[in-house]
Amino acid sequence: VQAGGSLRLSCAASRITFSINDMGWYRQAPG
């Protein structure tokens, strides 16, 4: 996308048989 634009990320979890404490997003840029 161009600067100033928008994106919506989704994360689908499966095979979870436990209660979750939290979910989140992390990122890693080069270097």
ModelCIF file with pLDDT and N, C-alpha, C, O atoms, coordinates in Angstrom:
data_MODEL
#
_entry.id   MODEL 
#
_entity.id                         1 
_entity.type                       polymer 
_entity.pdbx_number_of_molecules   1 
#
_entity_poly.entity_id                      1 
_entity_poly.type                           'polypeptide(L)' 
_entity_poly.nstd_linkage                   no 
_entity_poly.nstd_monomer                   no 
_entity_poly.pdbx_seq_one_letter_code       VQAGGSLRLSCAASRITFSINDMGWYRQAPG 
_entity_poly.pdbx_seq_one_letter_code_can   VQAGGSLRLSCAASRITFSINDMGWYRQAPG 
_entity_poly.pdbx_strand_id                 A 
#
loop_
_entity_poly_seq.entity_id 
_entity_poly_seq.num 
_entity_poly_seq.mon_id 
_entity_poly_seq.hetero 
1 1  VAL n 
1 2  GLN n 
1 3  ALA n 
1 4  GLY n 
1 5  GLY n 
1 6  SER n 
1 7  LEU n 
1 8  ARG n 
1 9  LEU n 
1 10 SER n 
1 11 CYS n 
1 12 ALA n 
1 13 ALA n 
1 14 SER n 
1 15 ARG n 
1 16 ILE n 
1 17 THR n 
1 18 PHE n 
1 19 SER n 
1 20 ILE n 
1 21 ASN n 
1 22 ASP n 
1 23 MET n 
1 24 GLY n 
1 25 TRP n 
1 26 TYR n 
1 27 ARG n 
1 28 GLN n 
1 29 ALA n 
1 30 PRO n 
1 31 GLY n 
#
_struct_asym.id          A 
_struct_asym.entity_id   1 
#
loop_
_ma_qa_metric.id 
_ma_qa_metric.mode 
_ma_qa_metric.name 
_ma_qa_metric.software_group_id 
_ma_qa_metric.type 
1 global pLDDT . pLDDT 
2 local  pLDDT . pLDDT 
#
_ma_qa_metric_global.metric_id      1 
_ma_qa_metric_global.metric_value   93.71 
_ma_qa_metric_global.model_id       1 
_ma_qa_metric_global.ordinal_id     1 
#
loop_
_ma_qa_metric_local.label_asym_id 
_ma_qa_metric_local.label_comp_id 
_ma_qa_metric_local.label_seq_id 
_ma_qa_metric_local.metric_id 
_ma_qa_metric_local.metric_value 
_ma_qa_metric_local.model_id 
_ma_qa_metric_local.ordinal_id 
A VAL 1  2 98.00 1 1  
A GLN 2  2 98.00 1 2  
A ALA 3  2 98.00 1 3  
A GLY 4  2 98.00 1 4  
A GLY 5  2 98.00 1 5  
A SER 6  2 98.00 1 6  
A LEU 7  2 98.00 1 7  
A ARG 8  2 98.00 1 8  
A LEU 9  2 98.00 1 9  
A SER 10 2 97.00 1 10 
A CYS 11 2 96.00 1 11 
A ALA 12 2 92.00 1 12 
A ALA 13 2 90.00 1 13 
A SER 14 2 90.00 1 14 
A ARG 15 2 85.00 1 15 
A ILE 16 2 82.00 1 16 
A THR 17 2 83.00 1 17 
A PHE 18 2 84.00 1 18 
A SER 19 2 87.00 1 19 
A ILE 20 2 88.00 1 20 
A ASN 21 2 91.00 1 21 
A ASP 22 2 93.00 1 22 
A MET 23 2 94.00 1 23 
A GLY 24 2 96.00 1 24 
A TRP 25 2 98.00 1 25 
A TYR 26 2 98.00 1 26 
A ARG 27 2 98.00 1 27 
A GLN 28 2 98.00 1 28 
A ALA 29 2 97.00 1 29 
A PRO 30 2 92.00 1 30 
A GLY 31 2 94.00 1 31 
#
loop_
_atom_site.group_PDB 
_atom_site.id 
_atom_site.type_symbol 
_atom_site.label_atom_id 
_atom_site.label_alt_id 
_atom_site.label_comp_id 
_atom_site.label_asym_id 
_atom_site.label_entity_id 
_atom_site.label_seq_id 
_atom_site.pdbx_PDB_ins_code 
_atom_site.Cartn_x 
_atom_site.Cartn_y 
_atom_site.Cartn_z 
_atom_site.occupancy 
_atom_site.B_iso_or_equiv 
_atom_site.pdbx_formal_charge 
_atom_site.auth_seq_id 
_atom_site.auth_comp_id 
_atom_site.auth_asym_id 
_atom_site.auth_atom_id 
_atom_site.pdbx_PDB_model_num 
ATOM 1   N N  . VAL A 1 1  ? 0.840  -1.191  0.000  1.00 98.00 ? 1  VAL A N  1 
ATOM 2   C CA . VAL A 1 1  ? 0.000  0.000   0.000  1.00 98.00 ? 1  VAL A CA 1 
ATOM 3   C C  . VAL A 1 1  ? 0.876  1.242   0.000  1.00 98.00 ? 1  VAL A C  1 
ATOM 4   O O  . VAL A 1 1  ? 2.054  1.192   0.355  1.00 98.00 ? 1  VAL A O  1 
ATOM 5   N N  . GLN A 1 2  ? 0.283  2.349   -0.402 1.00 98.00 ? 2  GLN A N  1 
ATOM 6   C CA . GLN A 1 2  ? 0.976  3.625   -0.354 1.00 98.00 ? 2  GLN A CA 1 
ATOM 7   C C  . GLN A 1 2  ? 0.872  4.234   1.039  1.00 98.00 ? 2  GLN A C  1 
ATOM 8   O O  . GLN A 1 2  ? -0.061 3.946   1.789  1.00 98.00 ? 2  GLN A O  1 
ATOM 9   N N  . ALA A 1 3  ? 1.835  5.071   1.370  1.00 98.00 ? 3  ALA A N  1 
ATOM 10  C CA . ALA A 1 3  ? 1.783  5.773   2.641  1.00 98.00 ? 3  ALA A CA 1 
ATOM 11  C C  . ALA A 1 3  ? 0.455  6.509   2.784  1.00 98.00 ? 3  ALA A C  1 
ATOM 12  O O  . ALA A 1 3  ? -0.024 7.146   1.845  1.00 98.00 ? 3  ALA A O  1 
ATOM 13  N N  . GLY A 1 4  ? -0.123 6.410   3.967  1.00 98.00 ? 4  GLY A N  1 
ATOM 14  C CA . GLY A 1 4  ? -1.420 7.008   4.216  1.00 98.00 ? 4  GLY A CA 1 
ATOM 15  C C  . GLY A 1 4  ? -2.580 6.064   3.992  1.00 98.00 ? 4  GLY A C  1 
ATOM 16  O O  . GLY A 1 4  ? -3.714 6.374   4.356  1.00 98.00 ? 4  GLY A O  1 
ATOM 17  N N  . GLY A 1 5  ? -2.312 4.924   3.401  1.00 98.00 ? 5  GLY A N  1 
ATOM 18  C CA . GLY A 1 5  ? -3.349 3.947   3.134  1.00 98.00 ? 5  GLY A CA 1 
ATOM 19  C C  . GLY A 1 5  ? -3.654 3.079   4.334  1.00 98.00 ? 5  GLY A C  1 
ATOM 20  O O  . GLY A 1 5  ? -3.121 3.281   5.425  1.00 98.00 ? 5  GLY A O  1 
ATOM 21  N N  . SER A 1 6  ? -4.527 2.102   4.110  1.00 98.00 ? 6  SER A N  1 
ATOM 22  C CA . SER A 1 6  ? -4.984 1.229   5.187  1.00 98.00 ? 6  SER A CA 1 
ATOM 23  C C  . SER A 1 6  ? -4.939 -0.232  4.778  1.00 98.00 ? 6  SER A C  1 
ATOM 24  O O  . SER A 1 6  ? -5.052 -0.568  3.599  1.00 98.00 ? 6  SER A O  1 
ATOM 25  N N  . LEU A 1 7  ? -4.773 -1.082  5.758  1.00 98.00 ? 7  LEU A N  1 
ATOM 26  C CA . LEU A 1 7  ? -4.867 -2.522  5.596  1.00 98.00 ? 7  LEU A CA 1 
ATOM 27  C C  . LEU A 1 7  ? -5.536 -3.104  6.833  1.00 98.00 ? 7  LEU A C  1 
ATOM 28  O O  . LEU A 1 7  ? -5.458 -2.536  7.922  1.00 98.00 ? 7  LEU A O  1 
ATOM 29  N N  . ARG A 1 8  ? -6.184 -4.226  6.655  1.00 98.00 ? 8  ARG A N  1 
ATOM 30  C CA . ARG A 1 8  ? -6.771 -4.942  7.775  1.00 98.00 ? 8  ARG A CA 1 
ATOM 31  C C  . ARG A 1 8  ? -6.228 -6.366  7.780  1.00 98.00 ? 8  ARG A C  1 
ATOM 32  O O  . ARG A 1 8  ? -6.473 -7.141  6.855  1.00 98.00 ? 8  ARG A O  1 
ATOM 33  N N  . LEU A 1 9  ? -5.500 -6.693  8.819  1.00 98.00 ? 9  LEU A N  1 
ATOM 34  C CA . LEU A 1 9  ? -4.944 -8.021  8.968  1.00 98.00 ? 9  LEU A CA 1 
ATOM 35  C C  . LEU A 1 9  ? -5.895 -8.909  9.758  1.00 98.00 ? 9  LEU A C  1 
ATOM 36  O O  . LEU A 1 9  ? -6.572 -8.456  10.681 1.00 98.00 ? 9  LEU A O  1 
ATOM 37  N N  . SER A 1 10 ? -5.932 -10.169 9.381  1.00 97.00 ? 10 SER A N  1 
ATOM 38  C CA . SER A 1 10 ? -6.757 -11.138 10.076 1.00 97.00 ? 10 SER A CA 1 
ATOM 39  C C  . SER A 1 10 ? -5.903 -12.325 10.488 1.00 97.00 ? 10 SER A C  1 
ATOM 40  O O  . SER A 1 10 ? -4.937 -12.676 9.812  1.00 97.00 ? 10 SER A O  1 
ATOM 41  N N  . CYS A 1 11 ? -6.266 -12.926 11.585 1.00 96.00 ? 11 CYS A N  1 
ATOM 42  C CA . CYS A 1 11 ? -5.595 -14.127 12.056 1.00 96.00 ? 11 CYS A CA 1 
ATOM 43  C C  . CYS A 1 11 ? -6.649 -15.106 12.530 1.00 96.00 ? 11 CYS A C  1 
ATOM 44  O O  . CYS A 1 11 ? -7.410 -14.817 13.453 1.00 96.00 ? 11 CYS A O  1 
ATOM 45  N N  . ALA A 1 12 ? -6.688 -16.250 11.901 1.00 92.00 ? 12 ALA A N  1 
ATOM 46  C CA . ALA A 1 12 ? -7.625 -17.294 12.272 1.00 92.00 ? 12 ALA A CA 1 
ATOM 47  C C  . ALA A 1 12 ? -6.880 -18.392 13.014 1.00 92.00 ? 12 ALA A C  1 
ATOM 48  O O  . ALA A 1 12 ? -5.919 -18.965 12.501 1.00 92.00 ? 12 ALA A O  1 
ATOM 49  N N  . ALA A 1 13 ? -7.328 -18.673 14.207 1.00 90.00 ? 13 ALA A N  1 
ATOM 50  C CA . ALA A 1 13 ? -6.721 -19.714 15.027 1.00 90.00 ? 13 ALA A CA 1 
ATOM 51  C C  . ALA A 1 13 ? -7.572 -20.970 14.987 1.00 90.00 ? 13 ALA A C  1 
ATOM 52  O O  . ALA A 1 13 ? -8.800 -20.906 15.041 1.00 90.00 ? 13 ALA A O  1 
ATOM 53  N N  . SER A 1 14 ? -6.919 -22.090 14.894 1.00 90.00 ? 14 SER A N  1 
ATOM 54  C CA . SER A 1 14 ? -7.619 -23.368 14.888 1.00 90.00 ? 14 SER A CA 1 
ATOM 55  C C  . SER A 1 14 ? -6.904 -24.361 15.791 1.00 90.00 ? 14 SER A C  1 
ATOM 56  O O  . SER A 1 14 ? -5.748 -24.171 16.168 1.00 90.00 ? 14 SER A O  1 
ATOM 57  N N  . ARG A 1 15 ? -7.615 -25.413 16.120 1.00 85.00 ? 15 ARG A N  1 
ATOM 58  C CA . ARG A 1 15 ? -7.086 -26.471 16.970 1.00 85.00 ? 15 ARG A CA 1 
ATOM 59  C C  . ARG A 1 15 ? -6.684 -25.957 18.347 1.00 85.00 ? 15 ARG A C  1 
ATOM 60  O O  . ARG A 1 15 ? -5.759 -26.473 18.976 1.00 85.00 ? 15 ARG A O  1 
ATOM 61  N N  . ILE A 1 16 ? -7.393 -24.936 18.798 1.00 82.00 ? 16 ILE A N  1 
ATOM 62  C CA . ILE A 1 16 ? -7.165 -24.420 20.142 1.00 82.00 ? 16 ILE A CA 1 
ATOM 63  C C  . ILE A 1 16 ? -8.141 -25.101 21.090 1.00 82.00 ? 16 ILE A C  1 
ATOM 64  O O  . ILE A 1 16 ? -9.356 -24.940 20.972 1.00 82.00 ? 16 ILE A O  1 
ATOM 65  N N  . THR A 1 17 ? -7.605 -25.850 22.013 1.00 83.00 ? 17 THR A N  1 
ATOM 66  C CA . THR A 1 17 ? -8.416 -26.595 22.971 1.00 83.00 ? 17 THR A CA 1 
ATOM 67  C C  . THR A 1 17 ? -8.267 -26.044 24.381 1.00 83.00 ? 17 THR A C  1 
ATOM 68  O O  . THR A 1 17 ? -8.687 -26.688 25.343 1.00 83.00 ? 17 THR A O  1 
ATOM 69  N N  . PHE A 1 18 ? -7.683 -24.878 24.516 1.00 84.00 ? 18 PHE A N  1 
ATOM 70  C CA . PHE A 1 18 ? -7.450 -24.266 25.807 1.00 84.00 ? 18 PHE A CA 1 
ATOM 71  C C  . PHE A 1 18 ? -8.014 -22.849 25.829 1.00 84.00 ? 18 PHE A C  1 
ATOM 72  O O  . PHE A 1 18 ? -8.304 -22.270 24.783 1.00 84.00 ? 18 PHE A O  1 
ATOM 73  N N  . SER A 1 19 ? -8.164 -22.307 27.010 1.00 87.00 ? 19 SER A N  1 
ATOM 74  C CA . SER A 1 19 ? -8.569 -20.921 27.136 1.00 87.00 ? 19 SER A CA 1 
ATOM 75  C C  . SER A 1 19 ? -7.361 -20.025 26.891 1.00 87.00 ? 19 SER A C  1 
ATOM 76  O O  . SER A 1 19 ? -6.253 -20.327 27.335 1.00 87.00 ? 19 SER A O  1 
ATOM 77  N N  . ILE A 1 20 ? -7.581 -18.925 26.186 1.00 88.00 ? 20 ILE A N  1 
ATOM 78  C CA . ILE A 1 20 ? -6.479 -18.044 25.854 1.00 88.00 ? 20 ILE A CA 1 
ATOM 79  C C  . ILE A 1 20 ? -6.427 -16.869 26.819 1.00 88.00 ? 20 ILE A C  1 
ATOM 80  O O  . ILE A 1 20 ? -7.447 -16.412 27.336 1.00 88.00 ? 20 ILE A O  1 
ATOM 81  N N  . ASN A 1 21 ? -5.218 -16.398 27.043 1.00 91.00 ? 21 ASN A N  1 
ATOM 82  C CA . ASN A 1 21 ? -5.019 -15.213 27.854 1.00 91.00 ? 21 ASN A CA 1 
ATOM 83  C C  . ASN A 1 21 ? -5.133 -13.953 27.007 1.00 91.00 ? 21 ASN A C  1 
ATOM 84  O O  . ASN A 1 21 ? -5.766 -12.973 27.399 1.00 91.00 ? 21 ASN A O  1 
ATOM 85  N N  . ASP A 1 22 ? -4.511 -14.002 25.849 1.00 93.00 ? 22 ASP A N  1 
ATOM 86  C CA . ASP A 1 22 ? -4.533 -12.858 24.953 1.00 93.00 ? 22 ASP A CA 1 
ATOM 87  C C  . ASP A 1 22 ? -4.086 -13.282 23.562 1.00 93.00 ? 22 ASP A C  1 
ATOM 88  O O  . ASP A 1 22 ? -3.501 -14.349 23.377 1.00 93.00 ? 22 ASP A O  1 
ATOM 89  N N  . MET A 1 23 ? -4.371 -12.432 22.597 1.00 94.00 ? 23 MET A N  1 
ATOM 90  C CA . MET A 1 23 ? -3.867 -12.590 21.244 1.00 94.00 ? 23 MET A CA 1 
ATOM 91  C C  . MET A 1 23 ? -3.283 -11.257 20.809 1.00 94.00 ? 23 MET A C  1 
ATOM 92  O O  . MET A 1 23 ? -3.710 -10.195 21.262 1.00 94.00 ? 23 MET A O  1 
ATOM 93  N N  . GLY A 1 24 ? -2.318 -11.329 19.940 1.00 96.00 ? 24 GLY A N  1 
ATOM 94  C CA . GLY A 1 24 ? -1.684 -10.092 19.547 1.00 96.00 ? 24 GLY A CA 1 
ATOM 95  C C  . GLY A 1 24 ? -1.022 -10.145 18.194 1.00 96.00 ? 24 GLY A C  1 
ATOM 96  O O  . GLY A 1 24 ? -1.008 -11.170 17.512 1.00 96.00 ? 24 GLY A O  1 
ATOM 97  N N  . TRP A 1 25 ? -0.472 -9.001  17.829 1.00 98.00 ? 25 TRP A N  1 
ATOM 98  C CA . TRP A 1 25 ? 0.274  -8.855  16.593 1.00 98.00 ? 25 TRP A CA 1 
ATOM 99  C C  . TRP A 1 25 ? 1.666  -8.343  16.900 1.00 98.00 ? 25 TRP A C  1 
ATOM 100 O O  . TRP A 1 25 ? 1.840  -7.387  17.655 1.00 98.00 ? 25 TRP A O  1 
ATOM 101 N N  . TYR A 1 26 ? 2.637  -8.980  16.316 1.00 98.00 ? 26 TYR A N  1 
ATOM 102 C CA . TYR A 1 26 ? 4.023  -8.555  16.370 1.00 98.00 ? 26 TYR A CA 1 
ATOM 103 C C  . TYR A 1 26 ? 4.498  -8.299  14.948 1.00 98.00 ? 26 TYR A C  1 
ATOM 104 O O  . TYR A 1 26 ? 3.876  -8.748  13.985 1.00 98.00 ? 26 TYR A O  1 
ATOM 105 N N  . ARG A 1 27 ? 5.590  -7.584  14.826 1.00 98.00 ? 27 ARG A N  1 
ATOM 106 C CA . ARG A 1 27 ? 6.158  -7.371  13.504 1.00 98.00 ? 27 ARG A CA 1 
ATOM 107 C C  . ARG A 1 27 ? 7.674  -7.400  13.571 1.00 98.00 ? 27 ARG A C  1 
ATOM 108 O O  . ARG A 1 27 ? 8.277  -7.123  14.608 1.00 98.00 ? 27 ARG A O  1 
ATOM 109 N N  . GLN A 1 28 ? 8.267  -7.738  12.451 1.00 98.00 ? 28 GLN A N  1 
ATOM 110 C CA . GLN A 1 28 ? 9.711  -7.773  12.349 1.00 98.00 ? 28 GLN A CA 1 
ATOM 111 C C  . GLN A 1 28 ? 10.131 -7.191  11.007 1.00 98.00 ? 28 GLN A C  1 
ATOM 112 O O  . GLN A 1 28 ? 9.803  -7.724  9.947  1.00 98.00 ? 28 GLN A O  1 
ATOM 113 N N  . ALA A 1 29 ? 10.858 -6.091  11.079 1.00 97.00 ? 29 ALA A N  1 
ATOM 114 C CA . ALA A 1 29 ? 11.387 -5.448  9.891  1.00 97.00 ? 29 ALA A CA 1 
ATOM 115 C C  . ALA A 1 29 ? 12.785 -5.981  9.624  1.00 97.00 ? 29 ALA A C  1 
ATOM 116 O O  . ALA A 1 29 ? 13.426 -6.509  10.532 1.00 97.00 ? 29 ALA A O  1 
ATOM 117 N N  . PRO A 1 30 ? 13.270 -5.853  8.388  1.00 92.00 ? 30 PRO A N  1 
ATOM 118 C CA . PRO A 1 30 ? 14.621 -6.326  8.072  1.00 92.00 ? 30 PRO A CA 1 
ATOM 119 C C  . PRO A 1 30 ? 15.663 -5.712  8.996  1.00 92.00 ? 30 PRO A C  1 
ATOM 120 O O  . PRO A 1 30 ? 15.702 -4.496  9.181  1.00 92.00 ? 30 PRO A O  1 
ATOM 121 N N  . GLY A 1 31 ? 16.500 -6.555  9.568  1.00 94.00 ? 31 GLY A N  1 
ATOM 122 C CA . GLY A 1 31 ? 17.545 -6.080  10.447 1.00 94.00 ? 31 GLY A CA 1 
ATOM 123 C C  . GLY A 1 31 ? 17.088 -5.671  11.828 1.00 94.00 ? 31 GLY A C  1 
ATOM 124 O O  . GLY A 1 31 ? 17.904 -5.254  12.650 1.00 94.00 ? 31 GLY A O  1 
#
